[in-house]
Amino acid sequence: MSDMTSDMIETAVDTPSEAPSRKAVKTEFMVYFAIIFLATLPLATLTWALSAIRTRSFTEKGPMARAWTQARIITPMIFSA
């Protein structure tokens, strides 16, 4: 019976660990952010319109600001997991 533990250690040491560059991570974050922003925009528009009708006021955050806020909340949750 051969000892497999020493072989696993040698192969782990031989392969360099490559971390993704900061630019690649930022690009990926922005892509996810854009997708989530576009996905939340229709619902944000609907909730903004219903709120504006209910309160008869347009002084609250608009649909773009609402969608932006949701994307700022959701996107870091994906990257923290």
PDB file of N, CA and C in Angstrom:
ATOM      1  N   MET A   1       0.850  -1.170   0.000  1.00  0.00           N
ATOM      2  CA  MET A   1       0.000   0.000   0.000  1.00  0.00           C
ATOM      3  C   MET A   1       0.899   1.238   0.000  1.00  0.00           C
ATOM      4  N   SER A   2       0.606   2.173  -0.871  1.00  0.00           N
ATOM      5  CA  SER A   2       1.464   3.350  -0.984  1.00  0.00           C
ATOM      6  C   SER A   2       0.931   4.498  -0.133  1.00  0.00           C
ATOM      7  N   ASP A   3       1.812   5.381   0.217  1.00  0.00           N
ATOM      8  CA  ASP A   3       1.452   6.546   1.025  1.00  0.00           C
ATOM      9  C   ASP A   3       1.001   7.666   0.083  1.00  0.00           C
ATOM     10  N   MET A   4      -0.284   8.005   0.103  1.00  0.00           N
ATOM     11  CA  MET A   4      -0.833   9.018  -0.792  1.00  0.00           C
ATOM     12  C   MET A   4      -0.709  10.435  -0.219  1.00  0.00           C
ATOM     13  N   THR A   5      -0.497  10.580   1.060  1.00  0.00           N
ATOM     14  CA  THR A   5      -0.459  11.902   1.665  1.00  0.00           C
ATOM     15  C   THR A   5       0.733  12.709   1.179  1.00  0.00           C
ATOM     16  N   SER A   6       1.890  12.089   1.032  1.00  0.00           N
ATOM     17  CA  SER A   6       3.057  12.843   0.586  1.00  0.00           C
ATOM     18  C   SER A   6       2.896  13.272  -0.875  1.00  0.00           C
ATOM     19  N   ASP A   7       2.239  12.456  -1.690  1.00  0.00           N
ATOM     20  CA  ASP A   7       2.008  12.817  -3.081  1.00  0.00           C
ATOM     21  C   ASP A   7       1.063  14.020  -3.184  1.00  0.00           C
ATOM     22  N   MET A   8       0.054  14.064  -2.338  1.00  0.00           N
ATOM     23  CA  MET A   8      -0.893  15.177  -2.357  1.00  0.00           C
ATOM     24  C   MET A   8      -0.212  16.479  -1.943  1.00  0.00           C
ATOM     25  N   ILE A   9       0.680  16.397  -0.985  1.00  0.00           N
ATOM     26  CA  ILE A   9       1.377  17.589  -0.523  1.00  0.00           C
ATOM     27  C   ILE A   9       2.301  18.108  -1.615  1.00  0.00           C
ATOM     28  N   GLU A  10       3.005  17.208  -2.308  1.00  0.00           N
ATOM     29  CA  GLU A  10       3.934  17.636  -3.354  1.00  0.00           C
ATOM     30  C   GLU A  10       3.193  18.305  -4.500  1.00  0.00           C
ATOM     31  N   THR A  11       2.065  17.753  -4.918  1.00  0.00           N
ATOM     32  CA  THR A  11       1.336  18.361  -6.029  1.00  0.00           C
ATOM     33  C   THR A  11       0.725  19.684  -5.615  1.00  0.00           C
ATOM     34  N   ALA A  12       0.330  19.816  -4.359  1.00  0.00           N
ATOM     35  CA  ALA A  12      -0.241  21.073  -3.897  1.00  0.00           C
ATOM     36  C   ALA A  12       0.825  22.164  -3.866  1.00  0.00           C
ATOM     37  N   VAL A  13       2.054  21.806  -3.538  1.00  0.00           N
ATOM     38  CA  VAL A  13       3.129  22.775  -3.486  1.00  0.00           C
ATOM     39  C   VAL A  13       3.567  23.156  -4.895  1.00  0.00           C
ATOM     40  N   ASP A  14       3.530  22.203  -5.830  1.00  0.00           N
ATOM     41  CA  ASP A  14       3.983  22.462  -7.192  1.00  0.00           C
ATOM     42  C   ASP A  14       3.061  23.419  -7.950  1.00  0.00           C
ATOM     43  N   THR A  15       1.776  23.393  -7.677  1.00  0.00           N
ATOM     44  CA  THR A  15       0.852  24.245  -8.429  1.00  0.00           C
ATOM     45  C   THR A  15       0.776  25.610  -7.773  1.00  0.00           C
ATOM     46  N   PRO A  16       1.063  26.652  -8.530  1.00  0.00           N
ATOM     47  CA  PRO A  16       0.997  28.000  -7.943  1.00  0.00           C
ATOM     48  C   PRO A  16      -0.444  28.431  -7.737  1.00  0.00           C
ATOM     49  N   SER A  17      -0.658  29.117  -6.665  1.00  0.00           N
ATOM     50  CA  SER A  17      -2.003  29.602  -6.387  1.00  0.00           C
ATOM     51  C   SER A  17      -2.145  30.961  -7.041  1.00  0.00           C
ATOM     52  N   GLU A  18      -3.095  31.064  -7.967  1.00  0.00           N
ATOM     53  CA  GLU A  18      -3.285  32.306  -8.697  1.00  0.00           C
ATOM     54  C   GLU A  18      -4.573  32.974  -8.241  1.00  0.00           C
ATOM     55  N   ALA A  19      -4.430  34.095  -7.606  1.00  0.00           N
ATOM     56  CA  ALA A  19      -5.597  34.860  -7.185  1.00  0.00           C
ATOM     57  C   ALA A  19      -6.012  35.764  -8.341  1.00  0.00           C
ATOM     58  N   PRO A  20      -7.327  35.963  -8.509  1.00  0.00           N
ATOM     59  CA  PRO A  20      -7.757  36.854  -9.595  1.00  0.00           C
ATOM     60  C   PRO A  20      -7.306  38.283  -9.323  1.00  0.00           C
ATOM     61  N   SER A  21      -6.992  38.993 -10.382  1.00  0.00           N
ATOM     62  CA  SER A  21      -6.519  40.361 -10.216  1.00  0.00           C
ATOM     63  C   SER A  21      -7.648  41.260  -9.737  1.00  0.00           C
ATOM     64  N   ARG A  22      -7.291  42.370  -9.171  1.00  0.00           N
ATOM     65  CA  ARG A  22      -8.274  43.324  -8.652  1.00  0.00           C
ATOM     66  C   ARG A  22      -9.148  43.876  -9.774  1.00  0.00           C
ATOM     67  N   LYS A  23      -8.539  44.095 -10.934  1.00  0.00           N
ATOM     68  CA  LYS A  23      -9.286  44.620 -12.072  1.00  0.00           C
ATOM     69  C   LYS A  23     -10.343  43.620 -12.538  1.00  0.00           C
ATOM     70  N   ALA A  24     -10.003  42.334 -12.542  1.00  0.00           N
ATOM     71  CA  ALA A  24     -10.950  41.300 -12.957  1.00  0.00           C
ATOM     72  C   ALA A  24     -12.118  41.215 -11.980  1.00  0.00           C
ATOM     73  N   VAL A  25     -11.834  41.334 -10.691  1.00  0.00           N
ATOM     74  CA  VAL A  25     -12.883  41.275  -9.680  1.00  0.00           C
ATOM     75  C   VAL A  25     -13.798  42.485  -9.813  1.00  0.00           C
ATOM     76  N   LYS A  26     -13.223  43.672 -10.046  1.00  0.00           N
ATOM     77  CA  LYS A  26     -14.021  44.881 -10.191  1.00  0.00           C
ATOM     78  C   LYS A  26     -14.904  44.804 -11.432  1.00  0.00           C
ATOM     79  N   THR A  27     -14.360  44.285 -12.517  1.00  0.00           N
ATOM     80  CA  THR A  27     -15.142  44.136 -13.747  1.00  0.00           C
ATOM     81  C   THR A  27     -16.302  43.179 -13.528  1.00  0.00           C
ATOM     82  N   GLU A  28     -16.029  42.064 -12.874  1.00  0.00           N
ATOM     83  CA  GLU A  28     -17.090  41.090 -12.596  1.00  0.00           C
ATOM     84  C   GLU A  28     -18.166  41.707 -11.695  1.00  0.00           C
ATOM     85  N   PHE A  29     -17.742  42.470 -10.698  1.00  0.00           N
ATOM     86  CA  PHE A  29     -18.689  43.137  -9.805  1.00  0.00           C
ATOM     87  C   PHE A  29     -19.586  44.089 -10.596  1.00  0.00           C
ATOM     88  N   MET A  30     -18.991  44.874 -11.493  1.00  0.00           N
ATOM     89  CA  MET A  30     -19.772  45.829 -12.274  1.00  0.00           C
ATOM     90  C   MET A  30     -20.740  45.131 -13.225  1.00  0.00           C
ATOM     91  N   VAL A  31     -20.349  43.995 -13.767  1.00  0.00           N
ATOM     92  CA  VAL A  31     -21.247  43.237 -14.651  1.00  0.00           C
ATOM     93  C   VAL A  31     -22.446  42.736 -13.845  1.00  0.00           C
ATOM     94  N   TYR A  32     -22.186  42.155 -12.690  1.00  0.00           N
ATOM     95  CA  TYR A  32     -23.286  41.688 -11.834  1.00  0.00           C
ATOM     96  C   TYR A  32     -24.162  42.863 -11.401  1.00  0.00           C
ATOM     97  N   PHE A  33     -23.533  43.979 -11.050  1.00  0.00           N
ATOM     98  CA  PHE A  33     -24.279  45.159 -10.626  1.00  0.00           C
ATOM     99  C   PHE A  33     -25.227  45.619 -11.729  1.00  0.00           C
ATOM    100  N   ALA A  34     -24.739  45.671 -12.972  1.00  0.00           N
ATOM    101  CA  ALA A  34     -25.560  46.112 -14.099  1.00  0.00           C
ATOM    102  C   ALA A  34     -26.731  45.168 -14.340  1.00  0.00           C
ATOM    103  N   ILE A  35     -26.482  43.874 -14.253  1.00  0.00           N
ATOM    104  CA  ILE A  35     -27.555  42.896 -14.451  1.00  0.00           C
ATOM    105  C   ILE A  35     -28.617  43.037 -13.371  1.00  0.00           C
ATOM    106  N   ILE A  36     -28.185  43.164 -12.124  1.00  0.00           N
ATOM    107  CA  ILE A  36     -29.137  43.289 -11.017  1.00  0.00           C
ATOM    108  C   ILE A  36     -29.886  44.609 -11.107  1.00  0.00           C
ATOM    109  N   PHE A  37     -29.182  45.678 -11.475  1.00  0.00           N
ATOM    110  CA  PHE A  37     -29.836  46.979 -11.636  1.00  0.00           C
ATOM    111  C   PHE A  37     -30.944  46.901 -12.683  1.00  0.00           C
ATOM    112  N   LEU A  38     -30.641  46.319 -13.836  1.00  0.00           N
ATOM    113  CA  LEU A  38     -31.645  46.195 -14.890  1.00  0.00           C
ATOM    114  C   LEU A  38     -32.799  45.279 -14.485  1.00  0.00           C
ATOM    115  N   ALA A  39     -32.501  44.271 -13.682  1.00  0.00           N
ATOM    116  CA  ALA A  39     -33.554  43.357 -13.235  1.00  0.00           C
ATOM    117  C   ALA A  39     -34.472  44.012 -12.206  1.00  0.00           C
ATOM    118  N   THR A  40     -33.942  44.888 -11.378  1.00  0.00           N
ATOM    119  CA  THR A  40     -34.763  45.527 -10.343  1.00  0.00           C
ATOM    120  C   THR A  40     -35.483  46.777 -10.834  1.00  0.00           C
ATOM    121  N   LEU A  41     -35.097  47.292 -11.979  1.00  0.00           N
ATOM    122  CA  LEU A  41     -35.688  48.529 -12.490  1.00  0.00           C
ATOM    123  C   LEU A  41     -37.209  48.446 -12.724  1.00  0.00           C
ATOM    124  N   PRO A  42     -37.737  47.393 -13.337  1.00  0.00           N
ATOM    125  CA  PRO A  42     -39.198  47.353 -13.535  1.00  0.00           C
ATOM    126  C   PRO A  42     -39.982  47.344 -12.222  1.00  0.00           C
ATOM    127  N   LEU A  43     -39.546  46.566 -11.255  1.00  0.00           N
ATOM    128  CA  LEU A  43     -40.248  46.519  -9.970  1.00  0.00           C
ATOM    129  C   LEU A  43     -40.095  47.839  -9.222  1.00  0.00           C
ATOM    130  N   ALA A  44     -38.933  48.448  -9.309  1.00  0.00           N
ATOM    131  CA  ALA A  44     -38.727  49.744  -8.662  1.00  0.00           C
ATOM    132  C   ALA A  44     -39.636  50.797  -9.279  1.00  0.00           C
ATOM    133  N   THR A  45     -39.811  50.741 -10.588  1.00  0.00           N
ATOM    134  CA  THR A  45     -40.709  51.679 -11.267  1.00  0.00           C
ATOM    135  C   THR A  45     -42.147  51.470 -10.814  1.00  0.00           C
ATOM    136  N   LEU A  46     -42.554  50.219 -10.714  1.00  0.00           N
ATOM    137  CA  LEU A  46     -43.914  49.911 -10.268  1.00  0.00           C
ATOM    138  C   LEU A  46     -44.156  50.382  -8.834  1.00  0.00           C
ATOM    139  N   THR A  47     -43.231  50.085  -7.938  1.00  0.00           N
ATOM    140  CA  THR A  47     -43.421  50.501  -6.541  1.00  0.00           C
ATOM    141  C   THR A  47     -43.378  52.012  -6.401  1.00  0.00           C
ATOM    142  N   TRP A  48     -42.524  52.676  -7.187  1.00  0.00           N
ATOM    143  CA  TRP A  48     -42.473  54.139  -7.162  1.00  0.00           C
ATOM    144  C   TRP A  48     -43.792  54.732  -7.648  1.00  0.00           C
ATOM    145  N   ALA A  49     -44.329  54.183  -8.729  1.00  0.00           N
ATOM    146  CA  ALA A  49     -45.587  54.703  -9.280  1.00  0.00           C
ATOM    147  C   ALA A  49     -46.738  54.491  -8.297  1.00  0.00           C
ATOM    148  N   LEU A  50     -46.798  53.318  -7.696  1.00  0.00           N
ATOM    149  CA  LEU A  50     -47.865  53.058  -6.715  1.00  0.00           C
ATOM    150  C   LEU A  50     -47.734  53.976  -5.507  1.00  0.00           C
ATOM    151  N   SER A  51     -46.511  54.201  -5.068  1.00  0.00           N
ATOM    152  CA  SER A  51     -46.284  55.092  -3.934  1.00  0.00           C
ATOM    153  C   SER A  51     -46.648  56.526  -4.296  1.00  0.00           C
ATOM    154  N   ALA A  52     -46.306  56.951  -5.514  1.00  0.00           N
ATOM    155  CA  ALA A  52     -46.631  58.312  -5.954  1.00  0.00           C
ATOM    156  C   ALA A  52     -48.136  58.506  -6.068  1.00  0.00           C
ATOM    157  N   ILE A  53     -48.833  57.493  -6.543  1.00  0.00           N
ATOM    158  CA  ILE A  53     -50.294  57.582  -6.646  1.00  0.00           C
ATOM    159  C   ILE A  53     -50.926  57.628  -5.258  1.00  0.00           C
ATOM    160  N   ARG A  54     -50.419  56.791  -4.371  1.00  0.00           N
ATOM    161  CA  ARG A  54     -50.981  56.706  -3.026  1.00  0.00           C
ATOM    162  C   ARG A  54     -50.759  57.999  -2.242  1.00  0.00           C
ATOM    163  N   THR A  55     -49.551  58.564  -2.315  1.00  0.00           N
ATOM    164  CA  THR A  55     -49.243  59.768  -1.529  1.00  0.00           C
ATOM    165  C   THR A  55     -49.475  61.060  -2.300  1.00  0.00           C
ATOM    166  N   ARG A  56     -49.740  60.955  -3.607  1.00  0.00           N
ATOM    167  CA  ARG A  56     -49.925  62.110  -4.488  1.00  0.00           C
ATOM    168  C   ARG A  56     -48.721  63.061  -4.419  1.00  0.00           C
ATOM    169  N   SER A  57     -47.556  62.466  -4.377  1.00  0.00           N
ATOM    170  CA  SER A  57     -46.336  63.264  -4.288  1.00  0.00           C
ATOM    171  C   SER A  57     -45.215  62.562  -5.051  1.00  0.00           C
ATOM    172  N   PHE A  58     -44.409  63.320  -5.762  1.00  0.00           N
ATOM    173  CA  PHE A  58     -43.271  62.775  -6.491  1.00  0.00           C
ATOM    174  C   PHE A  58     -41.948  63.147  -5.813  1.00  0.00           C
ATOM    175  N   THR A  59     -41.983  63.488  -4.536  1.00  0.00           N
ATOM    176  CA  THR A  59     -40.772  63.932  -3.851  1.00  0.00           C
ATOM    177  C   THR A  59     -39.896  62.791  -3.366  1.00  0.00           C
ATOM    178  N   GLU A  60     -40.412  61.567  -3.343  1.00  0.00           N
ATOM    179  CA  GLU A  60     -39.598  60.438  -2.900  1.00  0.00           C
ATOM    180  C   GLU A  60     -38.598  60.053  -3.987  1.00  0.00           C
ATOM    181  N   LYS A  61     -37.706  59.117  -3.636  1.00  0.00           N
ATOM    182  CA  LYS A  61     -36.714  58.648  -4.609  1.00  0.00           C
ATOM    183  C   LYS A  61     -37.420  58.109  -5.848  1.00  0.00           C
ATOM    184  N   GLY A  62     -36.863  58.403  -6.986  1.00  0.00           N
ATOM    185  CA  GLY A  62     -37.421  57.921  -8.239  1.00  0.00           C
ATOM    186  C   GLY A  62     -37.073  56.458  -8.477  1.00  0.00           C
ATOM    187  N   PRO A  63     -37.561  55.905  -9.576  1.00  0.00           N
ATOM    188  CA  PRO A  63     -37.322  54.482  -9.843  1.00  0.00           C
ATOM    189  C   PRO A  63     -35.848  54.155 -10.088  1.00  0.00           C
ATOM    190  N   MET A  64     -35.105  55.074 -10.694  1.00  0.00           N
ATOM    191  CA  MET A  64     -33.681  54.818 -10.927  1.00  0.00           C
ATOM    192  C   MET A  64     -32.919  54.744  -9.605  1.00  0.00           C
ATOM    193  N   ALA A  65     -33.213  55.654  -8.699  1.00  0.00           N
ATOM    194  CA  ALA A  65     -32.549  55.652  -7.392  1.00  0.00           C
ATOM    195  C   ALA A  65     -32.925  54.416  -6.589  1.00  0.00           C
ATOM    196  N   ARG A  66     -34.167  54.009  -6.684  1.00  0.00           N
ATOM    197  CA  ARG A  66     -34.602  52.801  -5.969  1.00  0.00           C
ATOM    198  C   ARG A  66     -33.894  51.559  -6.505  1.00  0.00           C
ATOM    199  N   ALA A  67     -33.822  51.429  -7.831  1.00  0.00           N
ATOM    200  CA  ALA A  67     -33.153  50.278  -8.433  1.00  0.00           C
ATOM    201  C   ALA A  67     -31.657  50.295  -8.112  1.00  0.00           C
ATOM    202  N   TRP A  68     -31.056  51.476  -8.139  1.00  0.00           N
ATOM    203  CA  TRP A  68     -29.630  51.614  -7.810  1.00  0.00           C
ATOM    204  C   TRP A  68     -29.373  51.165  -6.365  1.00  0.00           C
ATOM    205  N   THR A  69     -30.244  51.574  -5.460  1.00  0.00           N
ATOM    206  CA  THR A  69     -30.104  51.188  -4.057  1.00  0.00           C
ATOM    207  C   THR A  69     -30.220  49.675  -3.888  1.00  0.00           C
ATOM    208  N   GLN A  70     -31.190  49.081  -4.556  1.00  0.00           N
ATOM    209  CA  GLN A  70     -31.352  47.630  -4.469  1.00  0.00           C
ATOM    210  C   GLN A  70     -30.134  46.905  -5.027  1.00  0.00           C
ATOM    211  N   ALA A  71     -29.601  47.373  -6.133  1.00  0.00           N
ATOM    212  CA  ALA A  71     -28.409  46.749  -6.719  1.00  0.00           C
ATOM    213  C   ALA A  71     -27.205  46.906  -5.788  1.00  0.00           C
ATOM    214  N   ARG A  72     -27.105  48.060  -5.112  1.00  0.00           N
ATOM    215  CA  ARG A  72     -26.000  48.271  -4.157  1.00  0.00           C
ATOM    216  C   ARG A  72     -26.118  47.359  -2.947  1.00  0.00           C
ATOM    217  N   ILE A  73     -27.325  46.934  -2.612  1.00  0.00           N
ATOM    218  CA  ILE A  73     -27.535  46.030  -1.481  1.00  0.00           C
ATOM    219  C   ILE A  73     -27.299  44.580  -1.889  1.00  0.00           C
ATOM    220  N   ILE A  74     -27.820  44.186  -3.050  1.00  0.00           N
ATOM    221  CA  ILE A  74     -27.805  42.781  -3.460  1.00  0.00           C
ATOM    222  C   ILE A  74     -26.437  42.328  -3.968  1.00  0.00           C
ATOM    223  N   THR A  75     -25.765  43.136  -4.771  1.00  0.00           N
ATOM    224  CA  THR A  75     -24.510  42.718  -5.392  1.00  0.00           C
ATOM    225  C   THR A  75     -23.422  42.349  -4.377  1.00  0.00           C
ATOM    226  N   PRO A  76     -23.171  43.127  -3.342  1.00  0.00           N
ATOM    227  CA  PRO A  76     -22.153  42.695  -2.362  1.00  0.00           C
ATOM    228  C   PRO A  76     -22.534  41.403  -1.633  1.00  0.00           C
ATOM    229  N   MET A  77     -23.816  41.125  -1.511  1.00  0.00           N
ATOM    230  CA  MET A  77     -24.236  39.857  -0.895  1.00  0.00           C
ATOM    231  C   MET A  77     -23.758  38.677  -1.721  1.00  0.00           C
ATOM    232  N   ILE A  78     -23.778  38.810  -3.028  1.00  0.00           N
ATOM    233  CA  ILE A  78     -23.318  37.730  -3.912  1.00  0.00           C
ATOM    234  C   ILE A  78     -21.823  37.528  -3.754  1.00  0.00           C
ATOM    235  N   PHE A  79     -21.069  38.588  -3.663  1.00  0.00           N
ATOM    236  CA  PHE A  79     -19.614  38.492  -3.589  1.00  0.00           C
ATOM    237  C   PHE A  79     -19.107  38.136  -2.193  1.00  0.00           C
ATOM    238  N   SER A  80     -19.927  38.288  -1.174  1.00  0.00           N
ATOM    239  CA  SER A  80     -19.464  37.929   0.178  1.00  0.00           C
ATOM    240  C   SER A  80     -19.625  36.449   0.454  1.00  0.00           C
ATOM    241  N   ALA A  81     -20.409  35.762  -0.342  1.00  0.00           N
ATOM    242  CA  ALA A  81     -20.639  34.330  -0.108  1.00  0.00           C
ATOM    243  C   ALA A  81     -19.509  33.490  -0.626  1.00  0.00           C
TER     244      ALA A  81
END
